[in-house]
Amino acid sequence: MYSSQDMKPIDYGQEKVLTNPTNGMLFLVLNTLVILLAIAGFVIACAVSMPFPLRLLLIVVTSLYGFVIGPILFAGLKVISPNEALVLTLFGKYYGSIKHPGFFFVNPFVSAVNPVAKSERTAQKSAPKTLEQTMTVQIGGAAVINKKISLKAMTLNNERQKVNDALGNPIIIGVVVIWKVVDTAKAVFNVDNFAEYLSIQSDSALRNVVRLFPYDAPEDEDEKSLRGSSREVADDLKRELMSKVEMAGLEILEARITHLSYAPEIAAAMLQRQQASAIIAARQKIVEGAVGMVQMALTQLSENSIVELDEERKAAMVSNLLVVLCGNRDVQPIVNSGSLY
């Protein structure tokens, strides 16, 4: 029987970075020289007469190293380019990660692990590439899988989604996420495929954030909206997404809205609503300006004693001026050649 403690999953929260691996060029030269010496010793042991026990021992030792051990040790040579990492396991256990560029020698029995490369290998050729873009390289007709993990800043641009905003209106929204791998142990061992995990979590976080904001809000109301507060929405999306992908050893550098529109089924109605709101706002400005101009005209006429008008004539004058100033067509003036009254 197994206890609950025995079945508790291992947390690879702290990656083990191999800071001082053996210099690969130095080992390459030394191992090559030793192999050549072993082959030379094997030839000498076979050609020169010597006591049988000594010959047998020399043949076994030189052949073993020159043809078996030496070539196997070459498997421990690893080349790491800038902004790349190699996660190594030894017989199923986490051995360490190499994160700085160079030519190194490690235990020849370690194996590199990259779940994204594995998914690329099993995916169909016609399927779209994953975020890691770990393509297979054809060498001599054989497919070589790149097991290195990129530490560069990468871009996730998922397909546009139809999501309901805070008011229940269906909208079409698209985001772009800038991210990178910061903990290779978490990225490899805590999730099955960190690239696909990020893509799924991005869709989930986007839905959780969008439903908290309306598509648009009136200008006179201090309310955040998807259209008017894109920076605040992007910051909320970044925090939401960072909380979800931290366990996968990923860091979200930036999240931005790239597309925002109403869904086609309500786009026409919402466009009419926006046009009506714009017309009302424009008319309100026109009326406010016209009232100010009428008030200024009456004040100047009264202060300069140009003409004395009773209340009825003032009302008529105000009415005519408002019609002229608020109308959306050019007016036709009529000249009164008779008496004012």
C-alpha atoms as a PDB file:
ATOM      1  CA  MET A   1       0.000   0.000   0.000  1.00  0.00           C
ATOM      2  CA  TYR A   2       1.149   3.522  -0.805  1.00  0.00           C
ATOM      3  CA  SER A   3       0.560   6.454   1.519  1.00  0.00           C
ATOM      4  CA  SER A   4      -0.565   9.903   0.405  1.00  0.00           C
ATOM      5  CA  GLN A   5       2.967  11.188   0.965  1.00  0.00           C
ATOM      6  CA  ASP A   6       4.377   8.596  -1.441  1.00  0.00           C
ATOM      7  CA  MET A   7       1.992   9.732  -4.178  1.00  0.00           C
ATOM      8  CA  LYS A   8       2.656  13.468  -3.718  1.00  0.00           C
ATOM      9  CA  PRO A   9       4.025  14.903  -6.998  1.00  0.00           C
ATOM     10  CA  ILE A  10       7.557  16.251  -7.025  1.00  0.00           C
ATOM     11  CA  ASP A  11       7.802  20.037  -7.273  1.00  0.00           C
ATOM     12  CA  TYR A  12      10.649  21.167  -9.521  1.00  0.00           C
ATOM     13  CA  GLY A  13      10.310  24.737  -8.367  1.00  0.00           C
ATOM     14  CA  GLN A  14      14.062  25.370  -8.197  1.00  0.00           C
ATOM     15  CA  GLU A  15      16.036  24.685 -11.331  1.00  0.00           C
ATOM     16  CA  LYS A  16      19.585  23.429 -11.019  1.00  0.00           C
ATOM     17  CA  VAL A  17      21.792  25.485 -13.304  1.00  0.00           C
ATOM     18  CA  LEU A  18      25.120  23.881 -14.212  1.00  0.00           C
ATOM     19  CA  THR A  19      27.392  26.880 -13.785  1.00  0.00           C
ATOM     20  CA  ASN A  20      30.799  25.205 -14.278  1.00  0.00           C
ATOM     21  CA  PRO A  21      30.554  22.374 -16.825  1.00  0.00           C
ATOM     22  CA  THR A  22      33.743  21.007 -18.345  1.00  0.00           C
ATOM     23  CA  ASN A  23      35.173  22.881 -21.308  1.00  0.00           C
ATOM     24  CA  GLY A  24      34.075  20.980 -24.379  1.00  0.00           C
ATOM     25  CA  MET A  25      36.963  21.967 -26.658  1.00  0.00           C
ATOM     26  CA  LEU A  26      39.556  20.876 -24.101  1.00  0.00           C
ATOM     27  CA  PHE A  27      37.835  17.521 -23.619  1.00  0.00           C
ATOM     28  CA  LEU A  28      37.453  17.066 -27.392  1.00  0.00           C
ATOM     29  CA  VAL A  29      41.198  17.477 -27.949  1.00  0.00           C
ATOM     30  CA  LEU A  30      42.214  15.299 -25.005  1.00  0.00           C
ATOM     31  CA  ASN A  31      39.754  12.520 -25.780  1.00  0.00           C
ATOM     32  CA  THR A  32      40.777  12.503 -29.448  1.00  0.00           C
ATOM     33  CA  LEU A  33      44.447  12.207 -28.506  1.00  0.00           C
ATOM     34  CA  VAL A  34      43.730   9.396 -26.052  1.00  0.00           C
ATOM     35  CA  ILE A  35      41.694   7.531 -28.673  1.00  0.00           C
ATOM     36  CA  LEU A  36      44.537   7.870 -31.186  1.00  0.00           C
ATOM     37  CA  LEU A  37      47.019   6.642 -28.574  1.00  0.00           C
ATOM     38  CA  ALA A  38      44.737   3.716 -27.752  1.00  0.00           C
ATOM     39  CA  ILE A  39      44.467   2.748 -31.420  1.00  0.00           C
ATOM     40  CA  ALA A  40      48.221   3.048 -31.794  1.00  0.00           C
ATOM     41  CA  GLY A  41      48.700   0.864 -28.706  1.00  0.00           C
ATOM     42  CA  PHE A  42      46.274  -1.695 -30.136  1.00  0.00           C
ATOM     43  CA  VAL A  43      48.230  -1.835 -33.398  1.00  0.00           C
ATOM     44  CA  ILE A  44      51.526  -2.147 -31.543  1.00  0.00           C
ATOM     45  CA  ALA A  45      50.159  -4.892 -29.289  1.00  0.00           C
ATOM     46  CA  CYS A  46      49.069  -6.865 -32.335  1.00  0.00           C
ATOM     47  CA  ALA A  47      52.300  -6.344 -34.310  1.00  0.00           C
ATOM     48  CA  VAL A  48      55.056  -6.529 -31.697  1.00  0.00           C
ATOM     49  CA  SER A  49      55.916  -9.789 -29.988  1.00  0.00           C
ATOM     50  CA  MET A  50      55.514  -9.669 -26.232  1.00  0.00           C
ATOM     51  CA  PRO A  51      54.408 -12.003 -23.455  1.00  0.00           C
ATOM     52  CA  PHE A  52      50.904 -13.241 -24.022  1.00  0.00           C
ATOM     53  CA  PRO A  53      49.364 -11.942 -20.755  1.00  0.00           C
ATOM     54  CA  LEU A  54      50.768  -8.449 -21.399  1.00  0.00           C
ATOM     55  CA  ARG A  55      49.642  -8.497 -25.038  1.00  0.00           C
ATOM     56  CA  LEU A  56      46.145  -9.615 -24.078  1.00  0.00           C
ATOM     57  CA  LEU A  57      45.874  -6.929 -21.426  1.00  0.00           C
ATOM     58  CA  LEU A  58      47.117  -4.225 -23.786  1.00  0.00           C
ATOM     59  CA  ILE A  59      44.769  -5.312 -26.573  1.00  0.00           C
ATOM     60  CA  VAL A  60      41.741  -5.358 -24.254  1.00  0.00           C
ATOM     61  CA  VAL A  61      42.487  -1.968 -22.677  1.00  0.00           C
ATOM     62  CA  THR A  62      43.334  -0.131 -25.904  1.00  0.00           C
ATOM     63  CA  SER A  63      40.487  -1.620 -27.924  1.00  0.00           C
ATOM     64  CA  LEU A  64      38.001  -0.979 -25.139  1.00  0.00           C
ATOM     65  CA  TYR A  65      38.859   2.707 -24.902  1.00  0.00           C
ATOM     66  CA  GLY A  66      39.682   3.334 -28.554  1.00  0.00           C
ATOM     67  CA  PHE A  67      36.589   1.705 -30.007  1.00  0.00           C
ATOM     68  CA  VAL A  68      33.997   1.813 -27.180  1.00  0.00           C
ATOM     69  CA  ILE A  69      34.603   4.196 -24.300  1.00  0.00           C
ATOM     70  CA  GLY A  70      36.199   7.040 -26.274  1.00  0.00           C
ATOM     71  CA  PRO A  71      33.453   7.333 -28.910  1.00  0.00           C
ATOM     72  CA  ILE A  72      30.755   7.091 -26.221  1.00  0.00           C
ATOM     73  CA  LEU A  73      32.292  10.027 -24.349  1.00  0.00           C
ATOM     74  CA  PHE A  74      31.818  12.210 -27.426  1.00  0.00           C
ATOM     75  CA  ALA A  75      28.060  12.016 -26.759  1.00  0.00           C
ATOM     76  CA  GLY A  76      28.601  14.291 -23.758  1.00  0.00           C
ATOM     77  CA  LEU A  77      29.655  17.256 -25.914  1.00  0.00           C
ATOM     78  CA  LYS A  78      26.956  19.938 -26.005  1.00  0.00           C
ATOM     79  CA  VAL A  79      26.871  23.231 -27.917  1.00  0.00           C
ATOM     80  CA  ILE A  80      24.624  25.962 -26.469  1.00  0.00           C
ATOM     81  CA  SER A  81      23.860  29.111 -28.458  1.00  0.00           C
ATOM     82  CA  PRO A  82      23.026  32.488 -26.862  1.00  0.00           C
ATOM     83  CA  ASN A  83      19.549  32.659 -25.277  1.00  0.00           C
ATOM     84  CA  GLU A  84      19.155  28.891 -25.370  1.00  0.00           C
ATOM     85  CA  ALA A  85      19.012  26.295 -22.618  1.00  0.00           C
ATOM     86  CA  LEU A  86      19.361  22.551 -22.356  1.00  0.00           C
ATOM     87  CA  VAL A  87      17.434  20.580 -19.707  1.00  0.00           C
ATOM     88  CA  LEU A  88      19.215  17.316 -18.913  1.00  0.00           C
ATOM     89  CA  THR A  89      18.002  14.160 -17.178  1.00  0.00           C
ATOM     90  CA  LEU A  90      20.080  11.182 -16.051  1.00  0.00           C
ATOM     91  CA  PHE A  91      18.232   7.842 -15.968  1.00  0.00           C
ATOM     92  CA  GLY A  92      14.894   9.558 -15.352  1.00  0.00           C
ATOM     93  CA  LYS A  93      16.121  12.074 -12.751  1.00  0.00           C
ATOM     94  CA  TYR A  94      16.639  15.773 -13.222  1.00  0.00           C
ATOM     95  CA  TYR A  95      20.380  16.328 -13.769  1.00  0.00           C
ATOM     96  CA  GLY A  96      20.510  20.103 -14.367  1.00  0.00           C
ATOM     97  CA  SER A  97      20.150  22.877 -16.917  1.00  0.00           C
ATOM     98  CA  ILE A  98      22.772  24.634 -19.034  1.00  0.00           C
ATOM     99  CA  LYS A  99      21.675  28.234 -19.669  1.00  0.00           C
ATOM    100  CA  HIS A 100      24.849  30.042 -20.766  1.00  0.00           C
ATOM    101  CA  PRO A 101      26.326  29.759 -24.272  1.00  0.00           C
ATOM    102  CA  GLY A 102      29.416  27.749 -25.060  1.00  0.00           C
ATOM    103  CA  PHE A 103      30.862  24.330 -25.871  1.00  0.00           C
ATOM    104  CA  PHE A 104      30.655  21.973 -22.880  1.00  0.00           C
ATOM    105  CA  PHE A 105      31.140  18.384 -21.831  1.00  0.00           C
ATOM    106  CA  VAL A 106      28.643  16.718 -19.496  1.00  0.00           C
ATOM    107  CA  ASN A 107      27.851  13.156 -18.500  1.00  0.00           C
ATOM    108  CA  PRO A 108      27.478  11.277 -21.815  1.00  0.00           C
ATOM    109  CA  PHE A 109      24.526   9.302 -20.473  1.00  0.00           C
ATOM    110  CA  VAL A 110      22.323  12.360 -19.862  1.00  0.00           C
ATOM    111  CA  SER A 111      19.497  13.089 -22.266  1.00  0.00           C
ATOM    112  CA  ALA A 112      17.993  16.430 -23.225  1.00  0.00           C
ATOM    113  CA  VAL A 113      14.267  16.976 -22.625  1.00  0.00           C
ATOM    114  CA  ASN A 114      12.003  19.323 -24.555  1.00  0.00           C
ATOM    115  CA  PRO A 115       8.257  18.520 -24.574  1.00  0.00           C
ATOM    116  CA  VAL A 116       7.617  21.049 -27.343  1.00  0.00           C
ATOM    117  CA  ALA A 117      10.041  19.252 -29.646  1.00  0.00           C
ATOM    118  CA  LYS A 118       8.273  15.983 -28.855  1.00  0.00           C
ATOM    119  CA  SER A 119       4.909  17.411 -29.839  1.00  0.00           C
ATOM    120  CA  GLU A 120       6.432  18.750 -33.058  1.00  0.00           C
ATOM    121  CA  ARG A 121       7.661  15.303 -33.933  1.00  0.00           C
ATOM    122  CA  THR A 122       4.305  13.642 -33.409  1.00  0.00           C
ATOM    123  CA  ALA A 123       2.273  16.405 -35.056  1.00  0.00           C
ATOM    124  CA  GLN A 124       1.166  16.123 -38.663  1.00  0.00           C
ATOM    125  CA  LYS A 125       3.212  17.930 -41.282  1.00  0.00           C
ATOM    126  CA  SER A 126       0.212  20.018 -42.334  1.00  0.00           C
ATOM    127  CA  ALA A 127      -0.523  21.176 -38.782  1.00  0.00           C
ATOM    128  CA  PRO A 128       0.400  24.755 -37.840  1.00  0.00           C
ATOM    129  CA  LYS A 129       3.697  25.297 -36.033  1.00  0.00           C
ATOM    130  CA  THR A 130       3.698  25.688 -32.282  1.00  0.00           C
ATOM    131  CA  LEU A 131       4.947  28.751 -30.461  1.00  0.00           C
ATOM    132  CA  GLU A 132       8.402  27.319 -29.818  1.00  0.00           C
ATOM    133  CA  GLN A 133       8.984  26.787 -33.554  1.00  0.00           C
ATOM    134  CA  THR A 134      11.286  23.805 -32.856  1.00  0.00           C
ATOM    135  CA  MET A 135      11.470  22.494 -36.397  1.00  0.00           C
ATOM    136  CA  THR A 136      13.063  19.207 -37.365  1.00  0.00           C
ATOM    137  CA  VAL A 137      16.313  19.505 -39.292  1.00  0.00           C
ATOM    138  CA  GLN A 138      17.065  17.138 -42.145  1.00  0.00           C
ATOM    139  CA  ILE A 139      20.648  15.793 -41.926  1.00  0.00           C
ATOM    140  CA  GLY A 140      21.560  13.076 -44.389  1.00  0.00           C
ATOM    141  CA  GLY A 141      17.913  12.143 -44.834  1.00  0.00           C
ATOM    142  CA  ALA A 142      17.347  11.694 -41.084  1.00  0.00           C
ATOM    143  CA  ALA A 143      15.211  13.989 -38.981  1.00  0.00           C
ATOM    144  CA  VAL A 144      17.042  15.545 -36.031  1.00  0.00           C
ATOM    145  CA  ILE A 145      14.865  17.022 -33.278  1.00  0.00           C
ATOM    146  CA  ASN A 146      16.098  20.224 -31.655  1.00  0.00           C
ATOM    147  CA  LYS A 147      15.976  19.582 -27.901  1.00  0.00           C
ATOM    148  CA  LYS A 148      17.109  23.073 -26.887  1.00  0.00           C
ATOM    149  CA  ILE A 149      14.679  25.452 -25.186  1.00  0.00           C
ATOM    150  CA  SER A 150      14.683  29.038 -26.362  1.00  0.00           C
ATOM    151  CA  LEU A 151      15.052  31.723 -23.681  1.00  0.00           C
ATOM    152  CA  LYS A 152      14.258  34.524 -26.123  1.00  0.00           C
ATOM    153  CA  ALA A 153      11.199  36.742 -25.876  1.00  0.00           C
ATOM    154  CA  MET A 154       8.524  35.135 -28.058  1.00  0.00           C
ATOM    155  CA  THR A 155       5.141  36.195 -29.348  1.00  0.00           C
ATOM    156  CA  LEU A 156       1.830  34.414 -28.904  1.00  0.00           C
ATOM    157  CA  ASN A 157      -0.878  35.591 -31.276  1.00  0.00           C
ATOM    158  CA  ASN A 158      -3.918  33.356 -30.844  1.00  0.00           C
ATOM    159  CA  GLU A 159      -6.938  33.463 -33.076  1.00  0.00           C
ATOM    160  CA  ARG A 160      -9.588  36.113 -32.408  1.00  0.00           C
ATOM    161  CA  GLN A 161     -12.286  35.078 -29.966  1.00  0.00           C
ATOM    162  CA  LYS A 162     -15.953  35.884 -29.554  1.00  0.00           C
ATOM    163  CA  VAL A 163     -16.479  36.890 -25.913  1.00  0.00           C
ATOM    164  CA  ASN A 164     -19.331  38.574 -24.026  1.00  0.00           C
ATOM    165  CA  ASP A 165     -18.455  41.829 -22.306  1.00  0.00           C
ATOM    166  CA  ALA A 166     -19.782  43.043 -18.932  1.00  0.00           C
ATOM    167  CA  LEU A 167     -23.130  43.998 -20.536  1.00  0.00           C
ATOM    168  CA  GLY A 168     -23.520  40.669 -22.306  1.00  0.00           C
ATOM    169  CA  ASN A 169     -22.764  42.049 -25.768  1.00  0.00           C
ATOM    170  CA  PRO A 170     -20.819  39.622 -27.988  1.00  0.00           C
ATOM    171  CA  ILE A 171     -17.542  41.114 -29.172  1.00  0.00           C
ATOM    172  CA  ILE A 172     -14.613  39.922 -31.253  1.00  0.00           C
ATOM    173  CA  ILE A 173     -11.272  40.463 -29.524  1.00  0.00           C
ATOM    174  CA  GLY A 174      -7.691  39.478 -30.237  1.00  0.00           C
ATOM    175  CA  VAL A 175      -4.583  39.852 -28.082  1.00  0.00           C
ATOM    176  CA  VAL A 176      -0.854  39.374 -28.500  1.00  0.00           C
ATOM    177  CA  VAL A 177       1.261  38.116 -25.598  1.00  0.00           C
ATOM    178  CA  ILE A 178       5.025  38.615 -25.306  1.00  0.00           C
ATOM    179  CA  TRP A 179       6.550  35.900 -23.099  1.00  0.00           C
ATOM    180  CA  LYS A 180       9.706  33.940 -22.366  1.00  0.00           C
ATOM    181  CA  VAL A 181      10.899  30.935 -20.361  1.00  0.00           C
ATOM    182  CA  VAL A 182      12.606  31.856 -17.071  1.00  0.00           C
ATOM    183  CA  ASP A 183      12.610  28.514 -15.207  1.00  0.00           C
ATOM    184  CA  THR A 184      13.475  25.601 -17.477  1.00  0.00           C
ATOM    185  CA  ALA A 185      12.780  22.939 -14.831  1.00  0.00           C
ATOM    186  CA  LYS A 186       9.207  24.140 -14.290  1.00  0.00           C
ATOM    187  CA  ALA A 187       8.632  24.536 -18.029  1.00  0.00           C
ATOM    188  CA  VAL A 188       9.698  20.963 -18.762  1.00  0.00           C
ATOM    189  CA  PHE A 189       8.496  18.994 -15.750  1.00  0.00           C
ATOM    190  CA  ASN A 190       5.459  20.859 -14.331  1.00  0.00           C
ATOM    191  CA  VAL A 191       3.380  20.913 -17.539  1.00  0.00           C
ATOM    192  CA  ASP A 192       3.102  18.601 -20.488  1.00  0.00           C
ATOM    193  CA  ASN A 193       3.773  21.266 -23.135  1.00  0.00           C
ATOM    194  CA  PHE A 194       4.469  24.788 -21.930  1.00  0.00           C
ATOM    195  CA  ALA A 195       3.714  26.355 -25.339  1.00  0.00           C
ATOM    196  CA  GLU A 196       0.266  24.791 -25.594  1.00  0.00           C
ATOM    197  CA  TYR A 197      -0.327  25.469 -21.899  1.00  0.00           C
ATOM    198  CA  LEU A 198       0.342  29.176 -22.433  1.00  0.00           C
ATOM    199  CA  SER A 199      -1.988  29.295 -25.436  1.00  0.00           C
ATOM    200  CA  ILE A 200      -4.867  27.704 -23.519  1.00  0.00           C
ATOM    201  CA  GLN A 201      -4.333  29.856 -20.440  1.00  0.00           C
ATOM    202  CA  SER A 202      -4.235  32.979 -22.616  1.00  0.00           C
ATOM    203  CA  ASP A 203      -7.708  32.202 -23.970  1.00  0.00           C
ATOM    204  CA  SER A 204      -9.019  31.523 -20.468  1.00  0.00           C
ATOM    205  CA  ALA A 205      -7.488  34.688 -18.970  1.00  0.00           C
ATOM    206  CA  LEU A 206      -8.820  36.796 -21.837  1.00  0.00           C
ATOM    207  CA  ARG A 207     -12.369  35.606 -21.210  1.00  0.00           C
ATOM    208  CA  ASN A 208     -12.076  36.229 -17.467  1.00  0.00           C
ATOM    209  CA  VAL A 209     -10.846  39.798 -17.976  1.00  0.00           C
ATOM    210  CA  VAL A 210     -13.124  40.850 -20.845  1.00  0.00           C
ATOM    211  CA  ARG A 211     -16.312  39.948 -19.010  1.00  0.00           C
ATOM    212  CA  LEU A 212     -15.425  42.524 -16.313  1.00  0.00           C
ATOM    213  CA  PHE A 213     -15.524  45.528 -18.683  1.00  0.00           C
ATOM    214  CA  PRO A 214     -18.124  46.908 -21.093  1.00  0.00           C
ATOM    215  CA  TYR A 215     -17.166  47.479 -24.704  1.00  0.00           C
ATOM    216  CA  ASP A 216     -17.679  51.221 -24.409  1.00  0.00           C
ATOM    217  CA  ALA A 217     -18.666  53.711 -21.709  1.00  0.00           C
ATOM    218  CA  PRO A 218     -20.054  57.287 -21.891  1.00  0.00           C
ATOM    219  CA  GLU A 219     -17.410  59.995 -21.789  1.00  0.00           C
ATOM    220  CA  ASP A 220     -19.031  61.777 -18.836  1.00  0.00           C
ATOM    221  CA  GLU A 221     -18.847  58.602 -16.690  1.00  0.00           C
ATOM    222  CA  ASP A 222     -15.608  57.606 -15.021  1.00  0.00           C
ATOM    223  CA  GLU A 223     -15.899  53.942 -15.975  1.00  0.00           C
ATOM    224  CA  LYS A 224     -13.296  51.695 -17.534  1.00  0.00           C
ATOM    225  CA  SER A 225     -14.126  50.112 -20.869  1.00  0.00           C
ATOM    226  CA  LEU A 226     -12.423  47.853 -23.374  1.00  0.00           C
ATOM    227  CA  ARG A 227     -12.245  50.602 -25.999  1.00  0.00           C
ATOM    228  CA  GLY A 228     -11.373  53.542 -23.782  1.00  0.00           C
ATOM    229  CA  SER A 229      -9.131  51.844 -21.207  1.00  0.00           C
ATOM    230  CA  SER A 230      -7.084  49.452 -23.300  1.00  0.00           C
ATOM    231  CA  ARG A 231      -3.940  50.012 -21.205  1.00  0.00           C
ATOM    232  CA  GLU A 232      -5.700  49.160 -17.935  1.00  0.00           C
ATOM    233  CA  VAL A 233      -7.347  46.119 -19.529  1.00  0.00           C
ATOM    234  CA  ALA A 234      -3.969  44.943 -20.840  1.00  0.00           C
ATOM    235  CA  ASP A 235      -2.425  45.301 -17.373  1.00  0.00           C
ATOM    236  CA  ASP A 236      -5.248  43.265 -15.822  1.00  0.00           C
ATOM    237  CA  LEU A 237      -4.815  40.625 -18.516  1.00  0.00           C
ATOM    238  CA  LYS A 238      -1.076  40.473 -17.856  1.00  0.00           C
ATOM    239  CA  ARG A 239      -1.592  39.967 -14.107  1.00  0.00           C
ATOM    240  CA  GLU A 240      -4.281  37.343 -14.679  1.00  0.00           C
ATOM    241  CA  LEU A 241      -2.137  35.437 -17.144  1.00  0.00           C
ATOM    242  CA  MET A 242       1.012  35.690 -15.025  1.00  0.00           C
ATOM    243  CA  SER A 243      -0.773  34.078 -12.074  1.00  0.00           C
ATOM    244  CA  LYS A 244      -1.721  31.134 -14.286  1.00  0.00           C
ATOM    245  CA  VAL A 245       1.607  30.452 -16.027  1.00  0.00           C
ATOM    246  CA  GLU A 246       3.962  31.028 -13.106  1.00  0.00           C
ATOM    247  CA  MET A 247       3.876  27.318 -12.273  1.00  0.00           C
ATOM    248  CA  ALA A 248       5.090  26.591 -15.823  1.00  0.00           C
ATOM    249  CA  GLY A 249       8.220  28.722 -15.386  1.00  0.00           C
ATOM    250  CA  LEU A 250       7.061  31.388 -17.846  1.00  0.00           C
ATOM    251  CA  GLU A 251       7.149  35.171 -17.566  1.00  0.00           C
ATOM    252  CA  ILE A 252       4.661  37.450 -19.299  1.00  0.00           C
ATOM    253  CA  LEU A 253       6.468  40.544 -20.549  1.00  0.00           C
ATOM    254  CA  GLU A 254       3.515  42.282 -22.181  1.00  0.00           C
ATOM    255  CA  ALA A 255      -0.073  41.715 -23.251  1.00  0.00           C
ATOM    256  CA  ARG A 256      -1.811  44.002 -25.749  1.00  0.00           C
ATOM    257  CA  ILE A 257      -5.189  44.125 -27.461  1.00  0.00           C
ATOM    258  CA  THR A 258      -4.701  43.904 -31.221  1.00  0.00           C
ATOM    259  CA  HIS A 259      -8.331  43.733 -32.392  1.00  0.00           C
ATOM    260  CA  LEU A 260     -11.607  44.859 -30.854  1.00  0.00           C
ATOM    261  CA  SER A 261     -15.003  45.010 -32.536  1.00  0.00           C
ATOM    262  CA  TYR A 262     -18.614  44.034 -32.027  1.00  0.00           C
ATOM    263  CA  ALA A 263     -19.718  40.647 -33.291  1.00  0.00           C
ATOM    264  CA  PRO A 264     -21.256  40.766 -36.789  1.00  0.00           C
ATOM    265  CA  GLU A 265     -24.782  39.994 -35.533  1.00  0.00           C
ATOM    266  CA  ILE A 266     -24.967  43.191 -33.452  1.00  0.00           C
ATOM    267  CA  ALA A 267     -22.427  45.375 -35.240  1.00  0.00           C
ATOM    268  CA  ALA A 268     -25.047  47.265 -37.310  1.00  0.00           C
ATOM    269  CA  ALA A 269     -27.292  47.973 -34.317  1.00  0.00           C
ATOM    270  CA  MET A 270     -24.362  49.136 -32.188  1.00  0.00           C
ATOM    271  CA  LEU A 271     -23.169  51.374 -35.023  1.00  0.00           C
ATOM    272  CA  GLN A 272     -26.570  53.075 -35.137  1.00  0.00           C
ATOM    273  CA  ARG A 273     -26.446  53.482 -31.367  1.00  0.00           C
ATOM    274  CA  GLN A 274     -23.021  55.092 -31.551  1.00  0.00           C
ATOM    275  CA  GLN A 275     -24.167  57.399 -34.344  1.00  0.00           C
ATOM    276  CA  ALA A 276     -27.208  58.451 -32.323  1.00  0.00           C
ATOM    277  CA  SER A 277     -25.044  59.145 -29.275  1.00  0.00           C
ATOM    278  CA  ALA A 278     -22.684  61.211 -31.395  1.00  0.00           C
ATOM    279  CA  ILE A 279     -25.550  63.224 -32.903  1.00  0.00           C
ATOM    280  CA  ILE A 280     -27.028  63.904 -29.462  1.00  0.00           C
ATOM    281  CA  ALA A 281     -23.663  65.001 -28.114  1.00  0.00           C
ATOM    282  CA  ALA A 282     -23.089  67.296 -31.118  1.00  0.00           C
ATOM    283  CA  ARG A 283     -26.567  68.834 -30.786  1.00  0.00           C
ATOM    284  CA  GLN A 284     -25.958  69.434 -27.104  1.00  0.00           C
ATOM    285  CA  LYS A 285     -22.789  71.371 -27.892  1.00  0.00           C
ATOM    286  CA  ILE A 286     -24.605  73.376 -30.581  1.00  0.00           C
ATOM    287  CA  VAL A 287     -27.436  74.312 -28.215  1.00  0.00           C
ATOM    288  CA  GLU A 288     -25.020  75.318 -25.465  1.00  0.00           C
ATOM    289  CA  GLY A 289     -23.151  77.555 -27.895  1.00  0.00           C
ATOM    290  CA  ALA A 290     -26.324  79.052 -29.339  1.00  0.00           C
ATOM    291  CA  VAL A 291     -27.705  79.931 -25.889  1.00  0.00           C
ATOM    292  CA  GLY A 292     -24.424  81.618 -25.016  1.00  0.00           C
ATOM    293  CA  MET A 293     -24.441  83.635 -28.222  1.00  0.00           C
ATOM    294  CA  VAL A 294     -28.069  84.744 -27.713  1.00  0.00           C
ATOM    295  CA  GLN A 295     -27.330  85.779 -24.141  1.00  0.00           C
ATOM    296  CA  MET A 296     -24.293  87.747 -25.299  1.00  0.00           C
ATOM    297  CA  ALA A 297     -26.336  89.508 -28.027  1.00  0.00           C
ATOM    298  CA  LEU A 298     -29.094  90.545 -25.621  1.00  0.00           C
ATOM    299  CA  THR A 299     -26.553  91.753 -23.041  1.00  0.00           C
ATOM    300  CA  GLN A 300     -24.655  93.890 -25.532  1.00  0.00           C
ATOM    301  CA  LEU A 301     -27.861  95.391 -26.963  1.00  0.00           C
ATOM    302  CA  SER A 302     -28.998  96.335 -23.494  1.00  0.00           C
ATOM    303  CA  GLU A 303     -25.644  97.711 -22.291  1.00  0.00           C
ATOM    304  CA  ASN A 304     -25.027  99.804 -25.411  1.00  0.00           C
ATOM    305  CA  SER A 305     -28.639 101.077 -25.479  1.00  0.00           C
ATOM    306  CA  ILE A 306     -28.921 100.230 -29.137  1.00  0.00           C
ATOM    307  CA  VAL A 307     -32.568  99.242 -28.966  1.00  0.00           C
ATOM    308  CA  GLU A 308     -35.102  98.774 -26.202  1.00  0.00           C
ATOM    309  CA  LEU A 309     -37.046  95.512 -26.470  1.00  0.00           C
ATOM    310  CA  ASP A 310     -39.957  94.418 -24.375  1.00  0.00           C
ATOM    311  CA  GLU A 311     -40.280  90.845 -23.154  1.00  0.00           C
ATOM    312  CA  GLU A 312     -42.384  89.733 -26.114  1.00  0.00           C
ATOM    313  CA  ARG A 313     -39.854  91.079 -28.648  1.00  0.00           C
ATOM    314  CA  LYS A 314     -36.988  89.544 -26.697  1.00  0.00           C
ATOM    315  CA  ALA A 315     -38.736  86.199 -26.833  1.00  0.00           C
ATOM    316  CA  ALA A 316     -39.226  86.534 -30.588  1.00  0.00           C
ATOM    317  CA  MET A 317     -35.602  87.530 -31.060  1.00  0.00           C
ATOM    318  CA  VAL A 318     -34.385  84.596 -28.954  1.00  0.00           C
ATOM    319  CA  SER A 319     -36.583  82.238 -30.952  1.00  0.00           C
ATOM    320  CA  ASN A 320     -35.269  83.512 -34.289  1.00  0.00           C
ATOM    321  CA  LEU A 321     -31.638  83.400 -33.199  1.00  0.00           C
ATOM    322  CA  LEU A 322     -31.980  79.863 -31.864  1.00  0.00           C
ATOM    323  CA  VAL A 323     -33.572  78.724 -35.112  1.00  0.00           C
ATOM    324  CA  VAL A 324     -30.742  80.294 -37.103  1.00  0.00           C
ATOM    325  CA  LEU A 325     -27.930  79.017 -34.889  1.00  0.00           C
ATOM    326  CA  CYS A 326     -29.292  75.529 -34.200  1.00  0.00           C
ATOM    327  CA  GLY A 327     -30.548  74.726 -37.678  1.00  0.00           C
ATOM    328  CA  ASN A 328     -28.520  72.339 -39.831  1.00  0.00           C
ATOM    329  CA  ARG A 329     -29.366  74.234 -43.031  1.00  0.00           C
ATOM    330  CA  ASP A 330     -28.496  77.697 -44.271  1.00  0.00           C
ATOM    331  CA  VAL A 331     -31.227  80.238 -43.436  1.00  0.00           C
ATOM    332  CA  GLN A 332     -32.869  82.661 -45.874  1.00  0.00           C
ATOM    333  CA  PRO A 333     -32.941  86.161 -44.344  1.00  0.00           C
ATOM    334  CA  ILE A 334     -36.115  88.246 -44.696  1.00  0.00           C
ATOM    335  CA  VAL A 335     -35.687  92.036 -44.537  1.00  0.00           C
ATOM    336  CA  ASN A 336     -38.555  93.882 -42.799  1.00  0.00           C
ATOM    337  CA  SER A 337     -38.968  97.232 -44.584  1.00  0.00           C
ATOM    338  CA  GLY A 338     -41.868  98.378 -42.412  1.00  0.00           C
ATOM    339  CA  SER A 339     -42.173  99.348 -38.823  1.00  0.00           C
ATOM    340  CA  LEU A 340     -40.476  97.232 -36.149  1.00  0.00           C
ATOM    341  CA  TYR A 341     -43.813  96.817 -34.430  1.00  0.00           C
END
